[in-house]
N, C-alpha and C. Protein backbone atom coordinates (compact mmCIF):
# COMPACT_ATOMS: atom_id res chain seq x y z
N ALA A 1 154.62 142.49 145.51
CA ALA A 1 153.16 143.39 144.87
C ALA A 1 152.76 143.80 145.68
N LEU A 2 152.26 143.21 146.77
CA LEU A 2 151.61 143.87 148.05
C LEU A 2 152.25 144.38 148.92
N VAL A 3 153.61 144.50 148.98
CA VAL A 3 154.36 145.20 149.96
C VAL A 3 154.50 146.63 148.90
N ALA A 4 154.58 146.62 147.89
CA ALA A 4 154.65 147.66 147.19
C ALA A 4 153.59 148.83 147.08
N LEU A 5 152.27 147.88 147.11
CA LEU A 5 151.02 148.40 147.46
C LEU A 5 150.74 149.04 148.54
N PHE A 6 151.02 148.29 149.72
CA PHE A 6 151.02 148.48 150.94
C PHE A 6 151.94 150.17 151.07
N GLU A 7 153.14 150.08 150.53
CA GLU A 7 153.79 151.26 150.60
C GLU A 7 153.30 152.26 150.48
N ARG A 8 152.75 152.09 149.00
CA ARG A 8 152.41 153.50 148.23
C ARG A 8 151.22 154.03 148.71
N TYR A 9 150.27 153.48 149.45
CA TYR A 9 149.10 153.51 150.27
C TYR A 9 149.52 154.68 151.40
N TRP A 10 150.73 153.89 152.31
CA TRP A 10 151.19 154.21 153.37
C TRP A 10 152.08 155.59 153.26
N GLU A 11 152.54 155.84 151.80
CA GLU A 11 152.93 157.28 152.02
C GLU A 11 151.99 158.20 151.90
N ARG A 12 151.07 157.85 151.32
CA ARG A 12 149.73 158.99 150.91
C ARG A 12 148.74 159.08 152.09
N SER A 13 148.82 158.28 153.06
CA SER A 13 147.96 158.35 154.08
C SER A 13 148.02 159.60 155.13
N SER A 14 146.83 159.40 155.87
CA SER A 14 146.92 160.71 156.88
C SER A 14 146.77 160.17 158.34
N PRO A 15 147.15 160.62 159.29
CA PRO A 15 147.57 160.26 160.73
C PRO A 15 145.68 160.12 161.03
N LEU A 16 145.38 159.47 162.16
CA LEU A 16 144.11 159.42 162.57
C LEU A 16 144.11 159.95 163.84
N PHE A 17 144.64 160.94 163.91
CA PHE A 17 144.19 161.64 165.21
C PHE A 17 144.21 163.59 164.81
N ALA A 18 143.47 163.67 165.54
CA ALA A 18 143.17 165.63 165.61
C ALA A 18 143.85 166.44 166.18
N GLU A 19 144.38 167.43 165.66
CA GLU A 19 145.06 168.15 166.44
C GLU A 19 144.04 169.11 167.61
N GLY A 20 144.56 169.42 168.44
CA GLY A 20 143.98 170.30 169.53
C GLY A 20 143.25 169.17 170.29
N THR A 21 143.74 168.11 170.76
CA THR A 21 143.06 167.11 171.53
C THR A 21 143.15 167.59 173.11
N PRO A 22 142.18 167.25 173.53
CA PRO A 22 142.21 167.94 175.20
C PRO A 22 143.35 167.07 176.03
N VAL A 23 143.82 168.07 176.72
CA VAL A 23 145.05 167.85 177.70
C VAL A 23 144.42 166.43 178.50
N SER A 24 143.44 166.00 178.87
CA SER A 24 142.93 164.92 179.52
C SER A 24 143.35 163.65 178.71
N ASP A 25 143.53 163.95 177.59
CA ASP A 25 143.58 162.52 176.63
C ASP A 25 144.83 162.06 176.43
N LEU A 26 145.80 163.21 176.76
CA LEU A 26 147.20 162.54 176.94
C LEU A 26 147.52 162.26 178.19
N LEU A 27 148.86 161.31 178.19
CA LEU A 27 149.62 160.58 179.32
C LEU A 27 150.15 161.81 180.06
N THR A 28 150.43 161.56 181.51
CA THR A 28 151.56 162.16 181.93
C THR A 28 152.85 161.38 181.85
N ALA A 29 154.00 161.97 181.97
CA ALA A 29 155.14 161.17 181.96
C ALA A 29 154.93 160.12 182.56
N ASP A 30 154.82 159.81 183.85
CA ASP A 30 154.76 158.84 184.60
C ASP A 30 153.70 157.59 184.14
N GLU A 31 152.64 157.95 183.66
CA GLU A 31 151.34 157.15 182.72
C GLU A 31 152.30 156.76 181.65
N GLU A 32 153.06 157.37 180.77
CA GLU A 32 153.78 156.74 179.75
C GLU A 32 154.70 155.72 180.12
N GLN A 33 155.44 155.97 181.03
CA GLN A 33 156.53 155.10 181.55
C GLN A 33 155.98 153.81 182.05
N LEU A 34 154.79 154.16 182.89
CA LEU A 34 154.00 153.01 183.48
C LEU A 34 153.55 152.20 182.21
N LEU A 35 152.83 152.62 181.25
CA LEU A 35 152.20 151.84 180.26
C LEU A 35 153.58 151.25 179.48
N SER A 36 154.63 151.73 178.97
CA SER A 36 155.47 151.22 178.27
C SER A 36 155.97 149.87 179.25
N LEU A 37 156.46 150.21 180.49
CA LEU A 37 156.99 148.77 181.00
C LEU A 37 155.57 147.73 180.81
N LEU A 38 154.61 148.29 181.21
CA LEU A 38 153.32 147.24 181.21
C LEU A 38 153.38 146.27 179.85
N VAL A 39 153.40 147.21 178.61
CA VAL A 39 153.51 146.71 177.45
C VAL A 39 154.66 145.63 177.27
N ALA A 40 155.88 145.94 177.80
CA ALA A 40 156.97 145.42 177.72
C ALA A 40 156.89 143.91 178.24
N GLY A 41 156.06 143.60 179.13
CA GLY A 41 155.94 142.66 180.13
C GLY A 41 156.37 142.78 181.41
N VAL A 42 156.73 143.76 182.07
CA VAL A 42 157.00 143.92 183.40
C VAL A 42 156.26 143.67 184.42
N THR A 43 156.62 143.10 185.58
CA THR A 43 155.65 142.73 186.38
C THR A 43 155.40 143.78 187.02
N ASP A 44 153.92 144.03 187.85
CA ASP A 44 153.65 145.16 188.57
C ASP A 44 154.78 145.49 189.81
N LYS A 45 155.38 144.11 190.38
CA LYS A 45 156.38 144.46 191.65
C LYS A 45 157.74 145.17 190.87
N ALA A 46 158.33 145.05 189.77
CA ALA A 46 159.12 145.72 188.99
C ALA A 46 158.68 146.85 188.67
N ILE A 47 157.77 147.04 187.73
CA ILE A 47 156.99 148.47 187.82
C ILE A 47 157.03 149.38 188.76
N ALA A 48 156.63 148.91 189.89
CA ALA A 48 156.51 149.70 191.53
C ALA A 48 157.81 150.06 191.88
N SER A 49 158.81 149.28 191.91
CA SER A 49 160.21 149.48 192.15
C SER A 49 160.73 150.52 191.27
N ARG A 50 160.64 150.24 189.70
CA ARG A 50 161.32 151.08 189.05
C ARG A 50 160.49 152.78 189.18
N LEU A 51 159.22 152.73 189.36
CA LEU A 51 158.29 154.05 189.14
C LEU A 51 158.62 154.49 190.97
N SER A 52 159.22 153.91 192.00
CA SER A 52 159.44 154.19 193.22
C SER A 52 158.12 154.52 193.91
N VAL A 53 156.87 153.79 193.57
CA VAL A 53 155.61 153.81 194.29
C VAL A 53 155.27 152.24 194.48
N SER A 54 154.41 152.12 195.47
CA SER A 54 153.72 150.68 195.72
C SER A 54 152.96 149.94 194.70
N GLN A 55 153.20 148.59 194.91
CA GLN A 55 152.42 148.03 193.83
C GLN A 55 151.00 148.22 193.82
N ARG A 56 150.43 148.47 195.30
CA ARG A 56 148.87 148.86 195.05
C ARG A 56 148.73 150.35 194.07
N THR A 57 149.60 151.30 194.08
CA THR A 57 149.55 152.53 193.22
C THR A 57 149.64 152.06 191.90
N VAL A 58 150.50 151.10 191.44
CA VAL A 58 150.92 150.69 190.11
C VAL A 58 149.65 150.12 189.46
N GLN A 59 148.83 149.14 190.13
CA GLN A 59 147.68 148.50 189.84
C GLN A 59 146.32 149.54 189.98
N ARG A 60 146.47 150.57 190.92
CA ARG A 60 145.50 151.67 190.87
C ARG A 60 145.54 152.45 189.49
N ARG A 61 146.68 152.66 189.19
CA ARG A 61 146.97 153.60 187.69
C ARG A 61 146.70 152.42 186.48
N ILE A 62 147.03 151.42 186.70
CA ILE A 62 146.59 150.45 185.48
C ILE A 62 145.01 150.30 185.50
N ALA A 63 144.35 150.29 186.46
CA ALA A 63 142.91 150.46 186.41
C ALA A 63 142.19 151.69 185.85
N ASP A 64 143.02 152.93 186.34
CA ASP A 64 142.47 154.08 185.98
C ASP A 64 142.87 154.03 184.21
N LEU A 65 143.98 153.66 183.56
CA LEU A 65 144.08 153.53 182.13
C LEU A 65 143.34 152.55 181.47
N LEU A 66 142.83 151.48 182.05
CA LEU A 66 142.06 150.56 181.74
C LEU A 66 140.83 151.36 181.42
N ILE A 67 140.14 152.10 182.34
CA ILE A 67 139.07 152.89 182.10
C ILE A 67 139.20 154.02 181.28
N ARG A 68 140.32 154.70 181.19
CA ARG A 68 140.23 155.69 180.11
C ARG A 68 140.61 155.10 178.51
N ALA A 69 140.79 153.75 178.40
CA ALA A 69 141.23 153.56 177.34
C ALA A 69 139.95 152.58 177.15
N ASN A 70 139.13 152.55 177.83
CA ASN A 70 137.99 151.72 177.51
C ASN A 70 138.29 150.04 177.18
N ALA A 71 139.22 149.81 178.17
CA ALA A 71 139.92 148.48 177.74
C ALA A 71 139.22 147.39 179.12
N HIS A 72 139.16 146.11 178.75
CA HIS A 72 138.98 144.83 179.93
C HIS A 72 139.78 144.57 180.17
N THR A 73 141.03 144.00 179.46
CA THR A 73 142.27 143.46 180.00
C THR A 73 143.59 144.46 179.50
N ARG A 74 144.28 143.86 180.55
CA ARG A 74 145.96 144.32 179.96
C ARG A 74 146.17 144.31 178.36
N ALA A 75 145.70 143.13 178.10
CA ALA A 75 146.27 143.03 176.48
C ALA A 75 145.23 144.00 175.67
N GLN A 76 144.33 144.22 175.76
CA GLN A 76 143.22 145.34 175.17
C GLN A 76 143.80 146.58 175.49
N LEU A 77 144.28 146.96 176.65
CA LEU A 77 145.06 148.27 176.90
C LEU A 77 146.20 148.66 176.25
N ALA A 78 147.08 147.54 175.84
CA ALA A 78 148.10 147.61 175.18
C ALA A 78 147.73 147.85 173.98
N TRP A 79 146.73 147.15 173.40
CA TRP A 79 146.06 147.65 171.74
C TRP A 79 145.85 148.65 171.76
N GLN A 80 144.62 149.32 172.47
CA GLN A 80 144.21 150.54 172.58
C GLN A 80 145.55 151.66 172.82
N ALA A 81 146.53 151.40 173.61
CA ALA A 81 147.52 152.67 173.82
C ALA A 81 148.08 152.79 172.65
N ALA A 82 148.46 151.83 171.71
CA ALA A 82 149.04 151.74 170.54
C ALA A 82 147.96 152.54 169.40
N ARG A 83 146.94 152.10 169.35
CA ARG A 83 146.21 152.87 168.58
C ARG A 83 145.58 154.02 168.95
N LEU A 84 145.42 154.44 170.10
CA LEU A 84 145.48 155.91 170.70
C LEU A 84 146.83 156.64 170.30
N GLY A 85 147.64 156.16 170.04
CA GLY A 85 149.11 157.07 170.21
C GLY A 85 149.91 157.15 171.35
N TRP A 86 149.04 156.51 172.33
CA TRP A 86 149.53 157.20 173.75
C TRP A 86 151.31 156.70 173.65
N LEU A 87 151.63 155.81 173.37
CA LEU A 87 153.36 155.67 173.55
C LEU A 87 153.80 156.23 172.17
N ASP A 88 153.53 157.00 171.54
CA ASP A 88 154.28 157.63 170.29
C ASP A 88 154.39 159.09 170.97
N GLY A 89 153.60 159.51 171.74
CA GLY A 89 153.90 161.03 172.16
C GLY A 89 152.86 161.65 171.40
N ARG A 90 152.11 161.21 170.65
CA ARG A 90 151.27 162.05 169.74
C ARG A 90 149.78 161.90 170.71
N PRO A 91 148.83 162.85 170.32
CA PRO A 91 147.19 162.72 170.82
C PRO A 91 146.87 161.53 170.48
N SER A 92 145.64 161.36 171.01
CA SER A 92 144.58 160.06 170.50
C SER A 92 144.01 160.68 169.24
């Protein structure tokens, strides 16, 4: 019964993002790739290798994303990224 109720409300729901979101709120292709690897649990060293950048660059970019997402930890960053739709290709 609860699943049926959820499904009914889900079908009638509206997305929580607004059209016309400033471009600064969207991620670049590199940021999306970095974030998807981070959420998947890939190490900084492996991310750096995959993106062909230094490990320090990866750490700096993660720090920038933490600030943009108003997160204090990587777990919070992953949660905020999901909430903001950063990995879905939709604006926040």
